[in-house]
N, C-alpha and C. Protein backbone atom coordinates (compact mmCIF):
# COMPACT_ATOMS: atom_id res chain seq x y z
N MET A 1 94.51 85.54 119.23
CA MET A 1 95.15 86.50 120.35
C MET A 1 96.67 86.56 119.92
N SER A 2 97.14 87.79 119.80
CA SER A 2 98.53 88.07 119.34
C SER A 2 99.43 87.72 120.76
N LYS A 3 100.61 87.52 120.42
CA LYS A 3 101.45 87.13 121.58
C LYS A 3 102.85 88.02 121.34
N ILE A 4 103.60 88.00 122.51
CA ILE A 4 104.86 88.74 122.43
C ILE A 4 105.96 87.70 122.02
N LEU A 5 106.66 87.97 120.98
CA LEU A 5 107.75 87.08 120.51
C LEU A 5 109.05 87.58 121.04
N PRO A 6 110.03 86.40 121.27
CA PRO A 6 111.33 86.77 121.73
C PRO A 6 112.20 87.38 120.64
N ILE A 7 112.97 88.33 121.15
CA ILE A 7 113.82 89.11 120.31
C ILE A 7 115.10 88.45 120.03
N ILE A 8 115.60 88.19 118.83
CA ILE A 8 116.86 87.74 118.49
C ILE A 8 117.88 88.77 118.94
N LYS A 9 119.04 88.36 119.69
CA LYS A 9 119.99 89.29 119.94
C LYS A 9 121.31 89.17 119.18
N ASN A 10 121.98 90.36 118.96
CA ASN A 10 123.22 90.20 118.31
C ASN A 10 124.20 89.52 119.48
N PRO A 11 125.09 88.58 119.04
CA PRO A 11 125.53 88.24 117.71
C PRO A 11 124.80 87.09 116.91
N SER A 12 123.71 86.82 117.12
CA SER A 12 123.02 85.64 116.48
C SER A 12 123.36 85.85 114.86
N PRO A 13 123.66 84.75 114.14
CA PRO A 13 123.84 84.63 112.76
C PRO A 13 122.52 84.91 112.09
N LEU A 14 121.46 84.67 112.61
CA LEU A 14 120.09 85.08 111.93
C LEU A 14 120.03 86.40 111.47
N LEU A 15 120.65 87.34 112.36
CA LEU A 15 120.65 88.70 112.14
C LEU A 15 121.44 89.07 110.93
N ARG A 16 122.18 88.23 110.45
CA ARG A 16 123.11 88.73 109.45
C ARG A 16 122.72 88.07 108.14
N GLU A 17 121.55 87.39 108.00
CA GLU A 17 121.08 86.72 106.76
C GLU A 17 120.31 87.76 106.06
N LYS A 18 120.44 87.67 104.67
CA LYS A 18 119.52 88.49 103.67
C LYS A 18 118.17 87.79 103.79
N SER A 19 117.13 88.52 103.92
CA SER A 19 115.71 87.97 103.90
C SER A 19 115.20 87.66 102.72
N LYS A 20 114.37 86.66 102.70
CA LYS A 20 113.76 86.43 101.35
C LYS A 20 112.39 87.15 101.20
N GLU A 21 112.05 87.54 99.89
CA GLU A 21 110.92 88.28 99.54
C GLU A 21 109.66 87.27 99.75
N ILE A 22 108.63 87.69 100.02
CA ILE A 22 107.29 87.24 100.30
C ILE A 22 106.61 87.17 98.92
N ASP A 23 106.29 85.99 98.40
CA ASP A 23 105.70 85.86 97.11
C ASP A 23 104.16 85.88 97.32
N LEU A 24 103.63 87.04 97.24
CA LEU A 24 102.14 87.30 97.69
C LEU A 24 101.30 86.60 96.53
N LYS A 25 101.72 86.34 95.39
CA LYS A 25 101.00 85.71 94.34
C LYS A 25 100.85 84.09 94.53
N LYS A 26 101.87 83.60 95.13
CA LYS A 26 101.89 82.17 95.36
C LYS A 26 101.51 81.69 96.79
N ILE A 27 101.16 82.71 97.72
CA ILE A 27 100.94 82.27 99.00
C ILE A 27 99.61 81.43 99.26
N LYS A 28 99.70 80.44 100.04
CA LYS A 28 98.64 79.60 100.41
C LYS A 28 97.73 80.21 101.39
N PRO A 29 96.57 79.74 101.54
CA PRO A 29 95.62 80.34 102.59
C PRO A 29 96.19 80.02 103.89
N ASN A 30 96.91 78.87 104.22
CA ASN A 30 97.41 78.63 105.56
C ASN A 30 98.65 79.58 105.89
N GLU A 31 99.43 79.78 104.72
CA GLU A 31 100.54 80.60 104.92
C GLU A 31 100.19 82.10 105.10
N LEU A 32 98.99 82.51 104.31
CA LEU A 32 98.29 83.74 104.63
C LEU A 32 97.99 84.10 106.12
N LYS A 33 97.35 82.97 106.55
CA LYS A 33 96.88 83.01 107.97
C LYS A 33 98.07 83.34 109.02
N GLU A 34 99.19 82.48 108.74
CA GLU A 34 100.27 82.61 109.53
C GLU A 34 101.11 83.96 109.47
N LEU A 35 100.93 84.45 108.13
CA LEU A 35 101.58 85.85 108.05
C LEU A 35 100.84 86.85 108.87
N LYS A 36 99.55 86.73 108.69
CA LYS A 36 98.62 87.76 109.57
C LYS A 36 98.94 87.60 110.95
N GLU A 37 98.97 86.35 111.40
CA GLU A 37 99.37 86.23 112.75
C GLU A 37 100.71 86.84 113.23
N LEU A 38 101.56 86.51 112.29
CA LEU A 38 103.07 87.18 112.62
C LEU A 38 103.00 88.68 112.72
N CYS A 39 102.27 89.17 111.76
CA CYS A 39 102.12 90.65 111.63
C CYS A 39 101.61 91.15 113.10
N ALA A 40 100.46 90.60 113.50
CA ALA A 40 99.88 90.88 114.83
C ALA A 40 100.88 90.68 115.90
N ASP A 41 101.49 89.68 115.92
CA ASP A 41 102.60 89.25 117.08
C ASP A 41 103.82 90.35 116.92
N MET A 42 104.10 90.69 115.77
CA MET A 42 105.28 91.63 115.71
C MET A 42 104.82 93.01 116.14
N ILE A 43 103.51 93.42 115.88
CA ILE A 43 103.07 94.75 116.38
C ILE A 43 103.02 94.68 117.92
N LYS A 44 102.49 93.67 118.40
CA LYS A 44 102.32 93.63 119.87
C LYS A 44 103.84 93.70 120.51
N THR A 45 104.70 92.91 119.94
CA THR A 45 105.90 92.82 120.45
C THR A 45 106.59 94.17 120.34
N MET A 46 106.60 94.79 119.29
CA MET A 46 107.06 96.27 119.16
C MET A 46 106.68 96.97 120.25
N LYS A 47 105.36 97.14 120.27
CA LYS A 47 104.65 98.06 121.35
C LYS A 47 105.20 97.71 122.79
N GLU A 48 105.20 96.39 123.05
CA GLU A 48 105.52 96.02 124.43
C GLU A 48 106.98 96.19 124.75
N LYS A 49 107.87 96.12 123.84
CA LYS A 49 109.27 96.33 124.09
C LYS A 49 109.56 97.85 123.75
N ASP A 50 108.61 98.74 123.50
CA ASP A 50 108.90 100.17 123.18
C ASP A 50 109.71 100.40 122.05
N GLY A 51 109.58 99.56 121.09
CA GLY A 51 110.39 99.89 119.87
C GLY A 51 109.57 100.74 118.89
N VAL A 52 110.23 101.49 117.91
CA VAL A 52 109.55 102.31 117.00
C VAL A 52 109.52 101.49 115.53
N GLY A 53 110.19 100.31 115.68
CA GLY A 53 110.07 99.46 114.44
C GLY A 53 110.59 98.09 114.75
N LEU A 54 110.24 97.14 114.03
CA LEU A 54 110.61 95.75 114.13
C LEU A 54 110.56 95.00 112.86
N ALA A 55 111.80 94.33 112.64
CA ALA A 55 111.91 93.58 111.31
C ALA A 55 111.82 92.03 111.68
N ALA A 56 111.19 91.36 110.73
CA ALA A 56 111.10 89.88 110.94
C ALA A 56 112.34 89.15 111.34
N PRO A 57 113.45 89.43 110.75
CA PRO A 57 114.62 88.73 111.31
C PRO A 57 114.83 88.81 112.70
N GLN A 58 114.40 89.89 113.34
CA GLN A 58 114.46 90.14 114.70
C GLN A 58 113.75 89.14 115.62
N VAL A 59 112.83 88.47 114.99
CA VAL A 59 111.96 87.52 115.77
C VAL A 59 112.26 86.18 115.17
N GLY A 60 113.18 85.96 114.40
CA GLY A 60 113.57 84.74 113.99
C GLY A 60 113.01 84.32 112.53
N LYS A 61 112.48 85.19 111.91
CA LYS A 61 111.85 84.89 110.55
C LYS A 61 112.59 85.57 109.35
N ASN A 62 113.01 84.76 108.53
CA ASN A 62 114.00 85.25 107.52
C ASN A 62 113.12 85.69 106.20
N ILE A 63 112.17 86.58 106.50
CA ILE A 63 111.33 87.12 105.25
C ILE A 63 111.35 88.66 105.42
N ARG A 64 111.05 89.29 104.24
CA ARG A 64 111.17 90.72 104.06
C ARG A 64 109.77 91.43 104.51
N LEU A 65 109.73 91.59 105.89
CA LEU A 65 108.57 92.24 106.63
C LEU A 65 108.99 92.98 107.85
N ILE A 66 108.47 94.16 107.67
CA ILE A 66 108.64 95.06 108.88
C ILE A 66 107.45 95.60 109.40
N THR A 67 107.52 96.15 110.64
CA THR A 67 106.44 96.92 111.09
C THR A 67 107.02 98.13 111.60
N ILE A 68 106.41 99.27 111.62
CA ILE A 68 106.68 100.59 111.97
C ILE A 68 105.68 101.19 112.80
N ASN A 69 106.12 101.86 113.84
CA ASN A 69 105.01 102.49 114.72
C ASN A 69 105.06 103.95 114.25
N THR A 70 103.84 104.46 113.56
CA THR A 70 103.87 105.79 113.27
C THR A 70 102.82 106.55 114.00
N LYS A 71 102.77 107.87 113.79
CA LYS A 71 101.77 108.63 114.58
C LYS A 71 100.23 108.19 114.33
N ASP A 72 100.16 107.59 113.22
CA ASP A 72 98.81 106.98 112.82
C ASP A 72 98.51 105.58 113.18
N GLY A 73 99.54 105.13 113.96
CA GLY A 73 99.40 103.68 114.37
C GLY A 73 100.45 102.93 113.75
N PRO A 74 100.51 101.51 114.06
CA PRO A 74 101.44 100.63 113.41
C PRO A 74 101.16 100.48 112.01
N LYS A 75 102.24 100.38 111.17
CA LYS A 75 102.14 100.15 109.81
C LYS A 75 102.99 98.83 109.38
N ILE A 76 102.42 97.94 108.73
CA ILE A 76 103.11 96.61 108.25
C ILE A 76 103.50 97.06 106.79
N MET A 77 104.71 96.62 106.66
CA MET A 77 105.42 96.78 105.25
C MET A 77 105.88 95.41 104.69
N ILE A 78 105.18 94.92 103.66
CA ILE A 78 105.80 93.62 103.19
C ILE A 78 106.62 93.88 101.99
N ASN A 79 107.83 93.18 101.83
CA ASN A 79 108.76 93.46 100.73
C ASN A 79 109.14 95.02 100.60
N PRO A 80 109.46 95.73 101.57
CA PRO A 80 109.72 97.13 101.45
C PRO A 80 111.06 97.33 100.59
N LYS A 81 110.88 98.32 99.54
CA LYS A 81 112.06 98.58 98.78
C LYS A 81 112.22 100.07 98.60
N ILE A 82 113.36 100.67 99.23
CA ILE A 82 113.63 102.19 98.99
C ILE A 82 114.06 102.30 97.62
N THR A 83 113.17 103.17 97.00
CA THR A 83 113.33 103.44 95.59
C THR A 83 113.90 104.86 95.28
N GLY A 84 114.13 105.68 96.34
CA GLY A 84 114.73 106.76 96.14
C GLY A 84 115.31 107.52 97.44
N LYS A 85 116.42 108.17 97.46
CA LYS A 85 116.92 108.74 98.64
C LYS A 85 117.31 110.20 98.28
N SER A 86 117.24 111.12 99.26
CA SER A 86 117.61 112.50 99.24
C SER A 86 119.12 112.52 99.19
N TRP A 87 119.67 113.51 98.70
CA TRP A 87 121.08 113.71 98.73
C TRP A 87 121.52 114.29 100.14
N ALA A 88 120.57 114.94 100.90
CA ALA A 88 120.84 115.55 102.13
C ALA A 88 120.78 114.19 103.14
N LYS A 89 121.69 114.21 104.01
CA LYS A 89 121.69 113.11 104.98
C LYS A 89 121.82 113.98 106.48
N GLU A 90 121.73 113.09 107.48
CA GLU A 90 121.52 113.66 108.81
C GLU A 90 121.98 112.61 109.83
N TRP A 91 122.80 113.09 110.81
CA TRP A 91 123.12 112.18 111.84
C TRP A 91 122.07 112.06 112.96
N ASN A 92 121.91 110.82 113.47
CA ASN A 92 120.77 110.72 114.42
C ASN A 92 121.30 109.56 115.36
N GLU A 93 120.83 109.69 116.57
CA GLU A 93 121.23 108.57 117.60
C GLU A 93 120.27 107.35 117.38
N GLU A 94 120.74 106.12 117.34
CA GLU A 94 119.99 105.05 117.17
C GLU A 94 120.21 104.00 118.03
N GLY A 95 119.33 103.23 118.50
CA GLY A 95 119.44 101.91 119.27
C GLY A 95 118.58 100.92 118.56
N CYS A 96 118.56 99.58 119.13
CA CYS A 96 117.96 98.57 118.50
C CYS A 96 117.57 97.59 119.52
N LEU A 97 116.47 96.90 119.50
CA LEU A 97 115.94 95.81 120.28
C LEU A 97 116.86 94.60 120.14
N SER A 98 117.58 94.44 119.12
CA SER A 98 118.43 93.34 118.96
C SER A 98 119.81 93.48 119.45
N VAL A 99 120.16 94.80 119.77
CA VAL A 99 121.49 95.27 120.25
C VAL A 99 121.24 96.03 121.47
N PRO A 100 120.69 95.33 122.53
CA PRO A 100 120.23 96.11 123.81
C PRO A 100 121.42 96.85 124.54
N GLY A 101 121.10 98.07 124.94
CA GLY A 101 121.95 98.86 125.82
C GLY A 101 123.22 99.45 124.94
N ILE A 102 123.08 99.39 123.60
CA ILE A 102 124.09 100.12 122.84
C ILE A 102 123.33 101.12 121.94
N TYR A 103 124.00 102.31 121.92
CA TYR A 103 123.48 103.35 121.20
C TYR A 103 124.65 104.07 120.29
N GLY A 104 124.29 104.62 119.25
CA GLY A 104 125.28 105.27 118.33
C GLY A 104 124.57 106.14 117.42
N LYS A 105 125.44 107.10 116.72
CA LYS A 105 124.97 108.04 115.91
C LYS A 105 125.27 107.34 114.36
N VAL A 106 124.13 107.47 113.64
CA VAL A 106 124.10 106.85 112.30
C VAL A 106 123.75 107.92 111.35
N ARG A 107 124.42 108.08 110.20
CA ARG A 107 124.11 109.03 109.21
C ARG A 107 123.24 108.39 108.18
N ARG A 108 122.04 108.92 107.92
CA ARG A 108 120.97 108.43 107.09
C ARG A 108 120.43 109.45 106.15
N ASN A 109 119.76 109.08 105.18
CA ASN A 109 119.13 110.13 104.22
C ASN A 109 118.01 110.68 104.85
N LYS A 110 117.78 112.03 104.71
CA LYS A 110 116.86 112.72 105.37
C LYS A 110 115.48 112.36 104.93
N LYS A 111 115.49 111.96 103.50
CA LYS A 111 114.05 111.74 102.96
C LYS A 111 114.30 110.56 102.01
N ILE A 112 113.21 109.61 102.02
CA ILE A 112 113.27 108.46 101.12
C ILE A 112 111.95 108.33 100.55
N ASN A 113 111.95 107.60 99.39
CA ASN A 113 110.72 106.86 98.78
C ASN A 113 110.85 105.41 98.93
N CYS A 114 109.72 104.95 99.31
CA CYS A 114 109.66 103.32 99.51
C CYS A 114 108.30 102.85 99.00
N VAL A 115 108.56 101.71 98.33
CA VAL A 115 107.41 100.97 97.80
C VAL A 115 107.26 99.66 98.58
N TYR A 116 106.00 99.26 98.82
CA TYR A 116 105.84 97.98 99.70
C TYR A 116 104.37 97.59 99.50
N PHE A 117 104.17 96.39 100.11
CA PHE A 117 102.73 95.91 99.99
C PHE A 117 102.22 96.09 101.45
N ASP A 118 100.93 96.47 101.58
CA ASP A 118 100.47 96.64 102.89
C ASP A 118 99.85 95.20 103.25
N LYS A 119 99.21 95.26 104.57
CA LYS A 119 98.73 93.96 105.04
C LYS A 119 97.57 93.38 104.26
N LYS A 120 97.03 94.18 103.35
CA LYS A 120 95.78 93.67 102.49
C LYS A 120 96.47 93.21 101.14
N GLY A 121 97.84 93.36 100.80
CA GLY A 121 98.43 92.97 99.66
C GLY A 121 98.50 94.01 98.57
N GLN A 122 97.94 95.29 98.96
CA GLN A 122 98.11 96.37 98.13
C GLN A 122 99.35 97.01 97.89
N LYS A 123 99.92 97.22 96.68
CA LYS A 123 101.09 97.86 96.54
C LYS A 123 100.91 99.43 96.90
N THR A 124 101.89 99.87 97.72
CA THR A 124 101.68 101.22 98.38
C THR A 124 103.02 101.91 98.23
N LYS A 125 102.93 103.28 98.01
CA LYS A 125 104.09 104.04 97.94
C LYS A 125 104.14 104.99 99.13
N ILE A 126 105.28 105.28 99.72
CA ILE A 126 105.32 106.36 100.77
C ILE A 126 106.59 107.08 100.50
N GLN A 127 106.46 108.47 100.91
CA GLN A 127 107.54 109.45 100.91
C GLN A 127 107.75 109.67 102.38
N ALA A 128 108.87 109.34 102.91
CA ALA A 128 109.06 109.56 104.26
C ALA A 128 110.08 110.50 104.59
N GLU A 129 110.19 111.27 105.70
CA GLU A 129 111.30 112.19 106.13
C GLU A 129 111.28 112.09 107.64
N GLY A 130 112.37 112.64 108.18
CA GLY A 130 112.62 112.64 109.58
C GLY A 130 112.73 111.32 110.11
N LEU A 131 111.97 111.23 111.24
CA LEU A 131 112.18 110.00 112.10
C LEU A 131 111.64 108.78 111.26
N LEU A 132 110.51 108.95 110.57
CA LEU A 132 109.91 107.87 109.85
C LEU A 132 110.85 107.35 108.85
N SER A 133 111.70 108.36 108.18
CA SER A 133 112.64 107.91 107.08
C SER A 133 113.77 107.08 107.77
N PHE A 134 114.22 107.51 108.87
CA PHE A 134 115.38 106.86 109.71
C PHE A 134 114.81 105.40 110.09
N VAL A 135 113.56 105.30 110.57
CA VAL A 135 113.20 103.96 110.99
C VAL A 135 113.06 103.06 109.83
N ILE A 136 112.47 103.35 108.87
CA ILE A 136 112.30 102.59 107.61
C ILE A 136 113.75 102.17 107.09
N GLN A 137 114.75 102.95 107.06
CA GLN A 137 116.09 102.66 106.72
C GLN A 137 116.56 101.63 107.74
N HIS A 138 116.45 101.93 108.96
CA HIS A 138 116.93 101.04 109.99
C HIS A 138 116.34 99.64 109.82
N GLU A 139 115.06 99.61 109.64
CA GLU A 139 114.40 98.22 109.52
C GLU A 139 114.69 97.49 108.32
N THR A 140 114.82 98.31 107.03
CA THR A 140 115.01 97.57 105.81
C THR A 140 116.64 97.14 105.83
N ASP A 141 117.35 97.74 106.63
CA ASP A 141 118.84 97.30 106.89
C ASP A 141 118.90 95.94 107.42
N HIS A 142 117.95 95.73 108.38
CA HIS A 142 117.73 94.40 109.11
C HIS A 142 117.58 93.34 108.04
N LEU A 143 116.71 93.70 107.10
CA LEU A 143 116.31 92.62 106.03
C LEU A 143 117.52 92.38 105.07
N ASP A 144 118.52 93.12 105.12
CA ASP A 144 119.69 92.80 104.35
C ASP A 144 121.00 92.36 105.23
N GLY A 145 120.65 91.92 106.52
CA GLY A 145 121.61 91.61 107.47
C GLY A 145 122.51 92.63 107.95
N VAL A 146 122.09 93.83 107.98
CA VAL A 146 122.95 94.88 108.37
C VAL A 146 122.42 95.47 109.70
N LEU A 147 123.25 95.71 110.71
CA LEU A 147 122.77 96.12 111.95
C LEU A 147 123.35 97.65 112.07
N PHE A 148 122.64 98.58 112.89
CA PHE A 148 123.01 99.91 112.95
C PHE A 148 124.47 100.16 113.48
N ILE A 149 124.94 99.12 114.30
CA ILE A 149 126.29 99.20 114.80
C ILE A 149 127.36 98.99 113.68
N ASP A 150 126.93 98.51 112.55
CA ASP A 150 127.87 98.58 111.46
C ASP A 150 128.17 99.90 110.75
N LYS A 151 127.22 100.90 111.04
CA LYS A 151 127.34 102.12 110.39
C LYS A 151 127.57 103.17 111.50
N ALA A 152 127.43 102.88 112.69
CA ALA A 152 127.47 103.90 113.77
C ALA A 152 128.69 104.36 114.14
N LYS A 153 128.79 105.66 114.63
CA LYS A 153 129.98 106.37 115.14
C LYS A 153 129.57 106.69 116.63
N GLU A 154 130.53 106.95 117.41
CA GLU A 154 130.16 107.41 118.91
C GLU A 154 129.40 106.44 119.57
N ILE A 155 129.69 105.11 119.39
CA ILE A 155 128.95 103.97 119.96
C ILE A 155 129.15 104.00 121.61
N LYS A 156 128.01 104.02 122.30
CA LYS A 156 128.15 103.75 123.86
C LYS A 156 127.21 102.85 124.36
N LYS A 157 127.58 102.36 125.45
CA LYS A 157 126.87 101.34 126.12
C LYS A 157 126.13 101.99 127.35
N ILE A 158 124.96 101.65 127.53
CA ILE A 158 124.13 102.23 128.55
C ILE A 158 123.60 101.09 129.44
N LYS A 159 123.86 101.00 130.71
CA LYS A 159 123.53 99.98 131.68
C LYS A 159 121.95 100.15 131.86
N ALA A 160 121.23 98.99 132.00
CA ALA A 160 119.88 98.82 132.17
C ALA A 160 119.70 99.48 133.62
N ILE A 161 118.55 100.19 133.79
CA ILE A 161 118.19 100.77 135.05
C ILE A 161 117.57 99.65 135.95
């Protein structure tokens, strides 16, 4: 049964660490079971907190793992690597579960290519644009210890209702 994980909040130093790759070739059966449980917990946490994405560092795990909420349902991305970016960029307002109540405009590439491993360990490629592109870029930034507030302009605080 999956559970809701606590979200690590800024200014925790855990959010500023570069995450380690998951070595799928050397993973032991018990580690694989833990990884699958973590994926399920991250999906449940993302949904419960109304997030569009969640990175492992946000739940205290220093590994290269993200989950994205897509129109086709949640997607797990293990060791995601952006392999191509469009020249065209666009400003968009972003927020983050780890930086509650803060929003700002961030300029990101309109389209990206990304290579990752899915939850079955299969190497997968995706070409993303629009919101999906922005979410993947935001979440992969987390894996490199970068928060959206490092790139944002017009930062504003919004009080909780």
